[in-house]
Amino acid sequence: MQLTTSLSQIQLLATQKEQENIRFAEYLRQLNAEELDATVHTINKKVEPLIDCTQCGNCCKTLMIQVEEEEANTLAAALQQERSSFDEAFLEKGSSGIMIINRMPCAFLSGTRCSVYEHRFSGCREFPGLHLPAFQKRIFTVMMHYDRCPIVFNVIEQLKQSLPETAAIVS
């Protein structure tokens, strides 16, 4: 399996394939959701282990992650900080009460690695979420990450090759 992992190459290809990807996303919305999930999960199981996220860290440079109360409590304790100090240094709270990390790149990113990996937030643990159900409902979000995540890029490219009738859509 040939994988593309260079972010500059992925960004260049993403620009070149923008219209193709719009057509492909529309095609995916018409497929059987359960069969699509199964196909995406199968491809992801092959691709994800071949890509070392710690060599990239681009998600940590470009995403705002939602943080749950318990996650903030856990990480504050692990860092031996009072929760109020932790919140002030690392979190932003919206009027609806939703908390997100307060800067990009993430304050916990050290080079291309997470400095609090064992205590990272669930949004970080789950990204890029290709193992989750309901892929079809998340196509827009997944495609937003096509140009920034080698896993997403490669899974989508493999998906294009594996589905029937894709050749007419992507050519």
N, C-alpha and C. Protein backbone atom coordinates (compact mmCIF):
# COMPACT_ATOMS: atom_id res chain seq x y z
N MET A 1 0.85 -1.18 0.00
CA MET A 1 0.00 0.00 0.00
C MET A 1 0.89 1.23 0.00
N GLN A 2 0.75 2.05 -1.01
CA GLN A 2 1.51 3.30 -1.14
C GLN A 2 0.79 4.41 -0.37
N LEU A 3 1.47 5.00 0.60
CA LEU A 3 0.87 6.07 1.40
C LEU A 3 1.59 7.39 1.17
N THR A 4 0.84 8.46 1.22
CA THR A 4 1.41 9.80 1.15
C THR A 4 1.38 10.38 2.55
N THR A 5 2.55 10.78 3.06
CA THR A 5 2.60 11.32 4.42
C THR A 5 3.17 12.73 4.50
N SER A 6 3.74 13.21 3.43
CA SER A 6 4.28 14.57 3.41
C SER A 6 3.13 15.57 3.43
N LEU A 7 3.09 16.44 4.46
CA LEU A 7 2.01 17.42 4.55
C LEU A 7 2.00 18.37 3.36
N SER A 8 3.16 18.76 2.88
CA SER A 8 3.19 19.67 1.73
C SER A 8 2.63 18.98 0.49
N GLN A 9 2.94 17.71 0.30
CA GLN A 9 2.40 16.95 -0.82
C GLN A 9 0.89 16.76 -0.67
N ILE A 10 0.45 16.46 0.53
CA ILE A 10 -0.98 16.28 0.79
C ILE A 10 -1.73 17.58 0.51
N GLN A 11 -1.19 18.70 0.95
CA GLN A 11 -1.86 19.99 0.72
C GLN A 11 -1.92 20.32 -0.77
N LEU A 12 -0.86 20.03 -1.49
CA LEU A 12 -0.85 20.26 -2.94
C LEU A 12 -1.89 19.39 -3.63
N LEU A 13 -1.90 18.10 -3.30
CA LEU A 13 -2.88 17.19 -3.90
C LEU A 13 -4.31 17.56 -3.51
N ALA A 14 -4.50 18.00 -2.28
CA ALA A 14 -5.84 18.41 -1.84
C ALA A 14 -6.35 19.57 -2.68
N THR A 15 -5.49 20.51 -2.98
CA THR A 15 -5.88 21.64 -3.83
C THR A 15 -6.24 21.15 -5.23
N GLN A 16 -5.42 20.27 -5.77
CA GLN A 16 -5.66 19.73 -7.11
C GLN A 16 -6.95 18.91 -7.17
N LYS A 17 -7.30 18.24 -6.08
CA LYS A 17 -8.44 17.33 -6.07
C LYS A 17 -9.69 17.94 -5.45
N GLU A 18 -9.72 19.24 -5.28
CA GLU A 18 -10.84 19.87 -4.59
C GLU A 18 -12.20 19.55 -5.24
N GLN A 19 -12.31 19.74 -6.53
CA GLN A 19 -13.59 19.45 -7.22
C GLN A 19 -13.90 17.95 -7.20
N GLU A 20 -12.89 17.15 -7.39
CA GLU A 20 -13.06 15.70 -7.33
C GLU A 20 -13.62 15.29 -5.97
N ASN A 21 -13.09 15.88 -4.91
CA ASN A 21 -13.52 15.53 -3.56
C ASN A 21 -14.94 16.00 -3.27
N ILE A 22 -15.35 17.10 -3.86
CA ILE A 22 -16.73 17.56 -3.71
C ILE A 22 -17.67 16.53 -4.34
N ARG A 23 -17.33 16.08 -5.55
CA ARG A 23 -18.14 15.07 -6.23
C ARG A 23 -18.13 13.75 -5.45
N PHE A 24 -16.97 13.38 -4.93
CA PHE A 24 -16.84 12.13 -4.18
C PHE A 24 -17.68 12.17 -2.91
N ALA A 25 -17.67 13.29 -2.19
CA ALA A 25 -18.47 13.43 -0.97
C ALA A 25 -19.95 13.28 -1.29
N GLU A 26 -20.39 13.86 -2.39
CA GLU A 26 -21.80 13.71 -2.80
C GLU A 26 -22.12 12.25 -3.10
N TYR A 27 -21.22 11.58 -3.76
CA TYR A 27 -21.39 10.16 -4.07
C TYR A 27 -21.50 9.35 -2.77
N LEU A 28 -20.65 9.64 -1.79
CA LEU A 28 -20.66 8.90 -0.53
C LEU A 28 -21.98 9.06 0.21
N ARG A 29 -22.61 10.22 0.08
CA ARG A 29 -23.88 10.47 0.75
C ARG A 29 -25.01 9.60 0.20
N GLN A 30 -24.82 9.04 -0.98
CA GLN A 30 -25.85 8.22 -1.62
C GLN A 30 -25.70 6.73 -1.31
N LEU A 31 -24.61 6.35 -0.71
CA LEU A 31 -24.34 4.94 -0.45
C LEU A 31 -25.06 4.44 0.79
N ASN A 32 -25.13 3.14 0.93
CA ASN A 32 -25.67 2.53 2.14
C ASN A 32 -24.74 2.87 3.31
N ALA A 33 -25.28 3.49 4.33
CA ALA A 33 -24.47 4.00 5.45
C ALA A 33 -23.71 2.89 6.18
N GLU A 34 -24.36 1.76 6.42
CA GLU A 34 -23.70 0.68 7.16
C GLU A 34 -22.58 0.05 6.34
N GLU A 35 -22.81 -0.12 5.06
CA GLU A 35 -21.76 -0.68 4.20
C GLU A 35 -20.59 0.29 4.09
N LEU A 36 -20.89 1.58 4.00
CA LEU A 36 -19.84 2.59 3.94
C LEU A 36 -19.01 2.59 5.23
N ASP A 37 -19.68 2.53 6.36
CA ASP A 37 -18.95 2.44 7.64
C ASP A 37 -18.01 1.24 7.64
N ALA A 38 -18.51 0.10 7.22
CA ALA A 38 -17.69 -1.11 7.22
C ALA A 38 -16.46 -0.94 6.33
N THR A 39 -16.65 -0.35 5.16
CA THR A 39 -15.54 -0.15 4.23
C THR A 39 -14.53 0.84 4.81
N VAL A 40 -15.01 1.96 5.35
CA VAL A 40 -14.11 2.96 5.94
C VAL A 40 -13.34 2.34 7.10
N HIS A 41 -14.02 1.59 7.94
CA HIS A 41 -13.35 0.97 9.10
C HIS A 41 -12.28 -0.01 8.66
N THR A 42 -12.57 -0.79 7.64
CA THR A 42 -11.59 -1.75 7.12
C THR A 42 -10.35 -1.04 6.58
N ILE A 43 -10.57 0.00 5.80
CA ILE A 43 -9.45 0.76 5.24
C ILE A 43 -8.67 1.44 6.35
N ASN A 44 -9.38 2.04 7.29
CA ASN A 44 -8.72 2.74 8.39
C ASN A 44 -7.85 1.78 9.21
N LYS A 45 -8.31 0.56 9.42
CA LYS A 45 -7.53 -0.43 10.18
C LYS A 45 -6.22 -0.77 9.48
N LYS A 46 -6.19 -0.62 8.17
CA LYS A 46 -4.96 -0.89 7.42
C LYS A 46 -4.06 0.34 7.37
N VAL A 47 -4.65 1.52 7.22
CA VAL A 47 -3.88 2.75 7.04
C VAL A 47 -3.34 3.30 8.36
N GLU A 48 -4.20 3.43 9.35
CA GLU A 48 -3.82 4.11 10.59
C GLU A 48 -2.55 3.56 11.25
N PRO A 49 -2.38 2.24 11.35
CA PRO A 49 -1.16 1.73 11.98
C PRO A 49 0.13 2.04 11.21
N LEU A 50 0.01 2.39 9.94
CA LEU A 50 1.18 2.67 9.11
C LEU A 50 1.63 4.13 9.17
N ILE A 51 0.84 4.97 9.85
CA ILE A 51 1.16 6.39 9.94
C ILE A 51 1.43 6.75 11.39
N ASP A 52 2.60 7.28 11.65
CA ASP A 52 3.00 7.66 13.00
C ASP A 52 2.60 9.11 13.25
N CYS A 53 1.52 9.28 13.99
CA CYS A 53 1.01 10.63 14.28
C CYS A 53 2.04 11.49 15.00
N THR A 54 2.92 10.87 15.76
CA THR A 54 3.91 11.66 16.51
C THR A 54 4.97 12.26 15.60
N GLN A 55 5.00 11.86 14.34
CA GLN A 55 5.91 12.48 13.38
C GLN A 55 5.25 13.67 12.68
N CYS A 56 3.97 13.87 12.93
CA CYS A 56 3.21 14.91 12.25
C CYS A 56 2.75 15.98 13.24
N GLY A 57 1.80 15.65 14.07
CA GLY A 57 1.27 16.59 15.05
C GLY A 57 0.46 17.73 14.45
N ASN A 58 0.10 17.62 13.17
CA ASN A 58 -0.59 18.72 12.51
C ASN A 58 -1.97 18.97 13.12
N CYS A 59 -2.63 17.93 13.59
CA CYS A 59 -3.93 18.14 14.23
C CYS A 59 -3.77 19.03 15.46
N CYS A 60 -2.71 18.84 16.20
CA CYS A 60 -2.46 19.64 17.40
C CYS A 60 -2.10 21.09 17.07
N LYS A 61 -1.69 21.30 15.83
CA LYS A 61 -1.34 22.65 15.38
C LYS A 61 -2.54 23.40 14.82
N THR A 62 -3.59 22.66 14.44
CA THR A 62 -4.65 23.31 13.66
C THR A 62 -6.06 23.12 14.18
N LEU A 63 -6.28 22.32 15.22
CA LEU A 63 -7.64 22.05 15.70
C LEU A 63 -7.89 22.63 17.08
N MET A 64 -9.11 23.09 17.28
CA MET A 64 -9.57 23.51 18.60
C MET A 64 -10.38 22.36 19.18
N ILE A 65 -9.91 21.77 20.23
CA ILE A 65 -10.52 20.58 20.81
C ILE A 65 -11.44 20.95 21.97
N GLN A 66 -12.61 20.34 21.99
CA GLN A 66 -13.53 20.53 23.11
C GLN A 66 -13.02 19.73 24.30
N VAL A 67 -13.18 20.28 25.48
CA VAL A 67 -12.69 19.66 26.71
C VAL A 67 -13.85 19.47 27.68
N GLU A 68 -13.96 18.28 28.22
CA GLU A 68 -15.00 17.98 29.22
C GLU A 68 -14.47 18.29 30.62
N GLU A 69 -15.37 18.55 31.53
CA GLU A 69 -15.01 18.89 32.92
C GLU A 69 -14.05 17.87 33.53
N GLU A 70 -14.41 16.60 33.42
CA GLU A 70 -13.60 15.55 34.04
C GLU A 70 -12.20 15.50 33.43
N GLU A 71 -12.11 15.73 32.12
CA GLU A 71 -10.81 15.73 31.45
C GLU A 71 -9.95 16.88 31.97
N ALA A 72 -10.57 18.03 32.14
CA ALA A 72 -9.83 19.19 32.67
C ALA A 72 -9.38 18.91 34.11
N ASN A 73 -10.25 18.31 34.90
CA ASN A 73 -9.88 17.95 36.28
C ASN A 73 -8.70 16.99 36.30
N THR A 74 -8.76 15.98 35.45
CA THR A 74 -7.71 14.96 35.40
C THR A 74 -6.37 15.56 34.98
N LEU A 75 -6.37 16.37 33.93
CA LEU A 75 -5.11 16.93 33.46
C LEU A 75 -4.57 17.97 34.44
N ALA A 76 -5.44 18.78 35.02
CA ALA A 76 -4.99 19.75 36.03
C ALA A 76 -4.31 19.02 37.19
N ALA A 77 -4.90 17.94 37.63
CA ALA A 77 -4.31 17.16 38.74
C ALA A 77 -2.97 16.56 38.32
N ALA A 78 -2.92 16.03 37.09
CA ALA A 78 -1.67 15.43 36.61
C ALA A 78 -0.55 16.47 36.52
N LEU A 79 -0.93 17.71 36.19
CA LEU A 79 0.06 18.79 36.11
C LEU A 79 0.29 19.47 37.45
N GLN A 80 -0.40 18.98 38.47
CA GLN A 80 -0.32 19.52 39.84
C GLN A 80 -0.64 21.01 39.86
N GLN A 81 -1.75 21.35 39.20
CA GLN A 81 -2.22 22.73 39.15
C GLN A 81 -3.62 22.81 39.74
N GLU A 82 -3.90 23.94 40.35
CA GLU A 82 -5.27 24.21 40.77
C GLU A 82 -6.11 24.32 39.50
N ARG A 83 -7.33 23.87 39.57
CA ARG A 83 -8.17 23.87 38.38
C ARG A 83 -8.37 25.29 37.84
N SER A 84 -8.52 26.27 38.68
CA SER A 84 -8.73 27.65 38.21
C SER A 84 -7.50 28.15 37.44
N SER A 85 -6.31 27.82 37.91
CA SER A 85 -5.08 28.21 37.21
C SER A 85 -4.96 27.47 35.88
N PHE A 86 -5.32 26.21 35.90
CA PHE A 86 -5.29 25.41 34.67
C PHE A 86 -6.24 26.02 33.62
N ASP A 87 -7.46 26.32 34.06
CA ASP A 87 -8.45 26.89 33.14
C ASP A 87 -7.95 28.20 32.56
N GLU A 88 -7.41 29.05 33.41
CA GLU A 88 -6.92 30.36 32.96
C GLU A 88 -5.79 30.21 31.94
N ALA A 89 -4.93 29.24 32.15
CA ALA A 89 -3.78 29.06 31.27
C ALA A 89 -4.12 28.34 29.97
N PHE A 90 -5.08 27.42 29.99
CA PHE A 90 -5.25 26.53 28.84
C PHE A 90 -6.64 26.46 28.21
N LEU A 91 -7.67 26.97 28.88
CA LEU A 91 -9.02 26.77 28.38
C LEU A 91 -9.76 28.08 28.14
N GLU A 92 -10.73 27.97 27.28
CA GLU A 92 -11.66 29.07 27.02
C GLU A 92 -13.05 28.50 27.18
N LYS A 93 -13.91 29.24 27.87
CA LYS A 93 -15.26 28.74 28.11
C LYS A 93 -16.26 29.67 27.43
N GLY A 94 -17.10 29.07 26.59
CA GLY A 94 -18.11 29.83 25.89
C GLY A 94 -19.31 30.09 26.76
N SER A 95 -20.21 30.94 26.29
CA SER A 95 -21.40 31.28 27.06
C SER A 95 -22.29 30.07 27.30
N SER A 96 -22.20 29.07 26.43
CA SER A 96 -23.00 27.86 26.61
C SER A 96 -22.35 26.88 27.58
N GLY A 97 -21.16 27.22 28.07
CA GLY A 97 -20.47 26.37 29.02
C GLY A 97 -19.49 25.40 28.38
N ILE A 98 -19.46 25.34 27.07
CA ILE A 98 -18.54 24.45 26.38
C ILE A 98 -17.12 24.99 26.51
N MET A 99 -16.21 24.10 26.89
CA MET A 99 -14.80 24.49 27.03
C MET A 99 -14.01 23.97 25.83
N ILE A 100 -13.07 24.79 25.37
CA ILE A 100 -12.14 24.39 24.32
C ILE A 100 -10.74 24.82 24.73
N ILE A 101 -9.74 24.20 24.11
CA ILE A 101 -8.38 24.66 24.35
C ILE A 101 -8.29 26.09 23.83
N ASN A 102 -7.46 26.90 24.44
CA ASN A 102 -7.49 28.33 24.15
C ASN A 102 -6.46 28.81 23.15
N ARG A 103 -5.73 27.91 22.52
CA ARG A 103 -4.76 28.37 21.52
C ARG A 103 -4.39 27.28 20.53
N MET A 104 -3.95 27.76 19.39
CA MET A 104 -3.40 26.88 18.36
C MET A 104 -2.03 27.41 18.02
N PRO A 105 -1.03 26.59 17.97
CA PRO A 105 -1.09 25.17 18.28
C PRO A 105 -1.39 24.93 19.75
N CYS A 106 -1.78 23.73 20.03
CA CYS A 106 -2.10 23.36 21.41
C CYS A 106 -0.90 23.61 22.32
N ALA A 107 -1.19 24.13 23.50
CA ALA A 107 -0.13 24.43 24.47
C ALA A 107 0.63 23.17 24.90
N PHE A 108 0.03 22.02 24.72
CA PHE A 108 0.66 20.77 25.16
C PHE A 108 1.46 20.09 24.06
N LEU A 109 1.54 20.72 22.90
CA LEU A 109 2.32 20.18 21.80
C LEU A 109 3.78 20.55 22.00
N SER A 110 4.63 19.55 21.96
CA SER A 110 6.07 19.75 22.09
C SER A 110 6.72 19.15 20.84
N GLY A 111 7.11 19.99 19.91
CA GLY A 111 7.60 19.51 18.62
C GLY A 111 6.42 18.97 17.84
N THR A 112 6.41 17.67 17.65
CA THR A 112 5.26 17.03 16.99
C THR A 112 4.59 16.02 17.91
N ARG A 113 4.88 16.12 19.20
CA ARG A 113 4.35 15.15 20.17
C ARG A 113 3.57 15.84 21.28
N CYS A 114 2.61 15.12 21.81
CA CYS A 114 1.81 15.61 22.92
C CYS A 114 2.58 15.41 24.22
N SER A 115 2.75 16.49 24.96
CA SER A 115 3.50 16.40 26.22
C SER A 115 2.66 15.83 27.36
N VAL A 116 1.35 15.69 27.15
CA VAL A 116 0.46 15.13 28.17
C VAL A 116 -0.30 13.94 27.59
N TYR A 117 0.36 13.18 26.74
CA TYR A 117 -0.27 12.13 25.94
C TYR A 117 -1.15 11.19 26.77
N GLU A 118 -0.68 10.76 27.93
CA GLU A 118 -1.45 9.82 28.76
C GLU A 118 -2.74 10.44 29.26
N HIS A 119 -2.80 11.76 29.32
CA HIS A 119 -3.97 12.47 29.85
C HIS A 119 -4.65 13.33 28.79
N ARG A 120 -4.36 13.09 27.51
CA ARG A 120 -4.92 13.93 26.46
C ARG A 120 -6.44 13.83 26.44
N PHE A 121 -7.06 14.85 25.88
CA PHE A 121 -8.51 14.95 25.86
C PHE A 121 -9.13 13.93 24.90
N SER A 122 -10.38 13.60 25.11
CA SER A 122 -11.04 12.58 24.27
C SER A 122 -11.09 13.01 22.81
N GLY A 123 -11.24 14.30 22.54
CA GLY A 123 -11.23 14.77 21.15
C GLY A 123 -9.90 14.47 20.48
N CYS A 124 -8.83 14.51 21.23
CA CYS A 124 -7.50 14.17 20.73
C CYS A 124 -7.39 12.67 20.52
N ARG A 125 -7.88 11.91 21.49
CA ARG A 125 -7.82 10.44 21.41
C ARG A 125 -8.60 9.92 20.20
N GLU A 126 -9.73 10.53 19.92
CA GLU A 126 -10.62 10.05 18.86
C GLU A 126 -10.21 10.50 17.46
N PHE A 127 -9.47 11.58 17.36
CA PHE A 127 -9.14 12.12 16.04
C PHE A 127 -8.29 11.14 15.25
N PRO A 128 -8.54 10.93 13.98
CA PRO A 128 -9.52 11.61 13.13
C PRO A 128 -10.90 10.97 13.09
N GLY A 129 -11.15 10.00 13.94
CA GLY A 129 -12.50 9.47 14.10
C GLY A 129 -12.99 8.56 12.99
N LEU A 130 -12.08 8.02 12.21
CA LEU A 130 -12.50 7.15 11.11
C LEU A 130 -12.92 5.76 11.59
N HIS A 131 -12.69 5.47 12.83
CA HIS A 131 -13.10 4.20 13.43
C HIS A 131 -14.51 4.28 14.03
N LEU A 132 -15.06 5.48 14.06
CA LEU A 132 -16.37 5.69 14.67
C LEU A 132 -17.50 5.38 13.69
N PRO A 133 -18.69 5.08 14.21
CA PRO A 133 -19.83 4.85 13.33
C PRO A 133 -20.34 6.16 12.73
N ALA A 134 -21.23 6.04 11.78
CA ALA A 134 -21.92 7.18 11.15
C ALA A 134 -20.97 8.06 10.33
N PHE A 135 -20.07 7.44 9.61
CA PHE A 135 -19.15 8.18 8.73
C PHE A 135 -19.93 9.09 7.79
N GLN A 136 -21.00 8.59 7.24
CA GLN A 136 -21.77 9.35 6.26
C GLN A 136 -22.28 10.68 6.82
N LYS A 137 -22.60 10.71 8.09
CA LYS A 137 -23.09 11.94 8.73
C LYS A 137 -21.95 12.91 9.02
N ARG A 138 -20.72 12.42 8.94
CA ARG A 138 -19.55 13.24 9.26
C ARG A 138 -18.69 13.54 8.04
N ILE A 139 -19.20 13.29 6.85
CA ILE A 139 -18.39 13.47 5.64
C ILE A 139 -17.83 14.89 5.54
N PHE A 140 -18.66 15.88 5.80
CA PHE A 140 -18.20 17.28 5.71
C PHE A 140 -17.01 17.51 6.64
N THR A 141 -17.14 17.08 7.88
CA THR A 141 -16.06 17.26 8.85
C THR A 141 -14.81 16.48 8.46
N VAL A 142 -15.00 15.24 8.05
CA VAL A 142 -13.85 14.42 7.66
C VAL A 142 -13.11 15.09 6.49
N MET A 143 -13.87 15.55 5.51
CA MET A 143 -13.24 16.17 4.33
C MET A 143 -12.54 17.48 4.68
N MET A 144 -12.95 18.13 5.75
CA MET A 144 -12.25 19.33 6.22
C MET A 144 -10.82 18.99 6.65
N HIS A 145 -10.60 17.76 7.04
CA HIS A 145 -9.29 17.33 7.53
C HIS A 145 -8.46 16.63 6.46
N TYR A 146 -9.01 16.50 5.27
CA TYR A 146 -8.34 15.81 4.16
C TYR A 146 -6.98 16.43 3.85
N ASP A 147 -6.87 17.74 3.94
CA ASP A 147 -5.60 18.40 3.59
C ASP A 147 -4.66 18.57 4.78
N ARG A 148 -5.08 18.15 5.97
CA ARG A 148 -4.23 18.36 7.14
C ARG A 148 -3.84 17.09 7.87
N CYS A 149 -4.50 15.97 7.54
CA CYS A 149 -4.23 14.73 8.27
C CYS A 149 -3.86 13.62 7.30
N PRO A 150 -2.65 13.09 7.39
CA PRO A 150 -2.25 12.00 6.50
C PRO A 150 -3.15 10.76 6.60
N ILE A 151 -3.71 10.50 7.76
CA ILE A 151 -4.60 9.35 7.89
C ILE A 151 -5.87 9.60 7.07
N VAL A 152 -6.49 10.74 7.26
CA VAL A 152 -7.71 11.06 6.51
C VAL A 152 -7.42 11.04 5.01
N PHE A 153 -6.35 11.71 4.61
CA PHE A 153 -6.01 11.76 3.19
C PHE A 153 -5.90 10.36 2.60
N ASN A 154 -5.13 9.51 3.24
CA ASN A 154 -4.89 8.18 2.70
C ASN A 154 -6.12 7.27 2.76
N VAL A 155 -6.92 7.38 3.81
CA VAL A 155 -8.15 6.59 3.87
C VAL A 155 -9.10 7.01 2.76
N ILE A 156 -9.25 8.30 2.55
CA ILE A 156 -10.15 8.78 1.49
C ILE A 156 -9.64 8.33 0.12
N GLU A 157 -8.34 8.43 -0.10
CA GLU A 157 -7.80 8.00 -1.40
C GLU A 157 -7.98 6.49 -1.60
N GLN A 158 -7.80 5.71 -0.55
CA GLN A 158 -8.03 4.26 -0.65
C GLN A 158 -9.52 3.97 -0.86
N LEU A 159 -10.36 4.76 -0.22
CA LEU A 159 -11.80 4.60 -0.37
C LEU A 159 -12.22 4.86 -1.82
N LYS A 160 -11.63 5.86 -2.44
CA LYS A 160 -11.92 6.16 -3.84
C LYS A 160 -11.60 4.95 -4.73
N GLN A 161 -10.54 4.25 -4.41
CA GLN A 161 -10.13 3.10 -5.21
C GLN A 161 -10.97 1.86 -4.94
N SER A 162 -11.57 1.79 -3.78
CA SER A 162 -12.26 0.55 -3.39
C SER A 162 -13.76 0.52 -3.71
N LEU A 163 -14.35 1.68 -3.95
CA LEU A 163 -15.80 1.70 -4.16
C LEU A 163 -16.15 1.57 -5.63
N PRO A 164 -17.26 0.90 -5.93
CA PRO A 164 -17.70 0.79 -7.32
C PRO A 164 -18.14 2.15 -7.85
N GLU A 165 -17.98 2.34 -9.11
CA GLU A 165 -18.40 3.55 -9.82
C GLU A 165 -17.60 4.79 -9.46
N THR A 166 -16.58 4.68 -8.62
CA THR A 166 -15.80 5.85 -8.23
C THR A 166 -14.98 6.38 -9.39
N ALA A 167 -14.52 5.52 -10.28
CA ALA A 167 -13.67 5.95 -11.39
C ALA A 167 -14.32 7.07 -12.19
N ALA A 168 -15.60 6.97 -12.46
CA ALA A 168 -16.29 8.00 -13.23
C ALA A 168 -16.40 9.30 -12.46
N ILE A 169 -16.43 9.23 -11.14
CA ILE A 169 -16.60 10.41 -10.30
C ILE A 169 -15.30 11.16 -10.14
N VAL A 170 -14.21 10.44 -9.99
CA VAL A 170 -12.92 11.06 -9.68
C VAL A 170 -12.07 11.35 -10.91
N SER A 171 -12.54 11.03 -12.10
CA SER A 171 -11.72 11.29 -13.28
C SER A 171 -12.06 12.61 -13.92
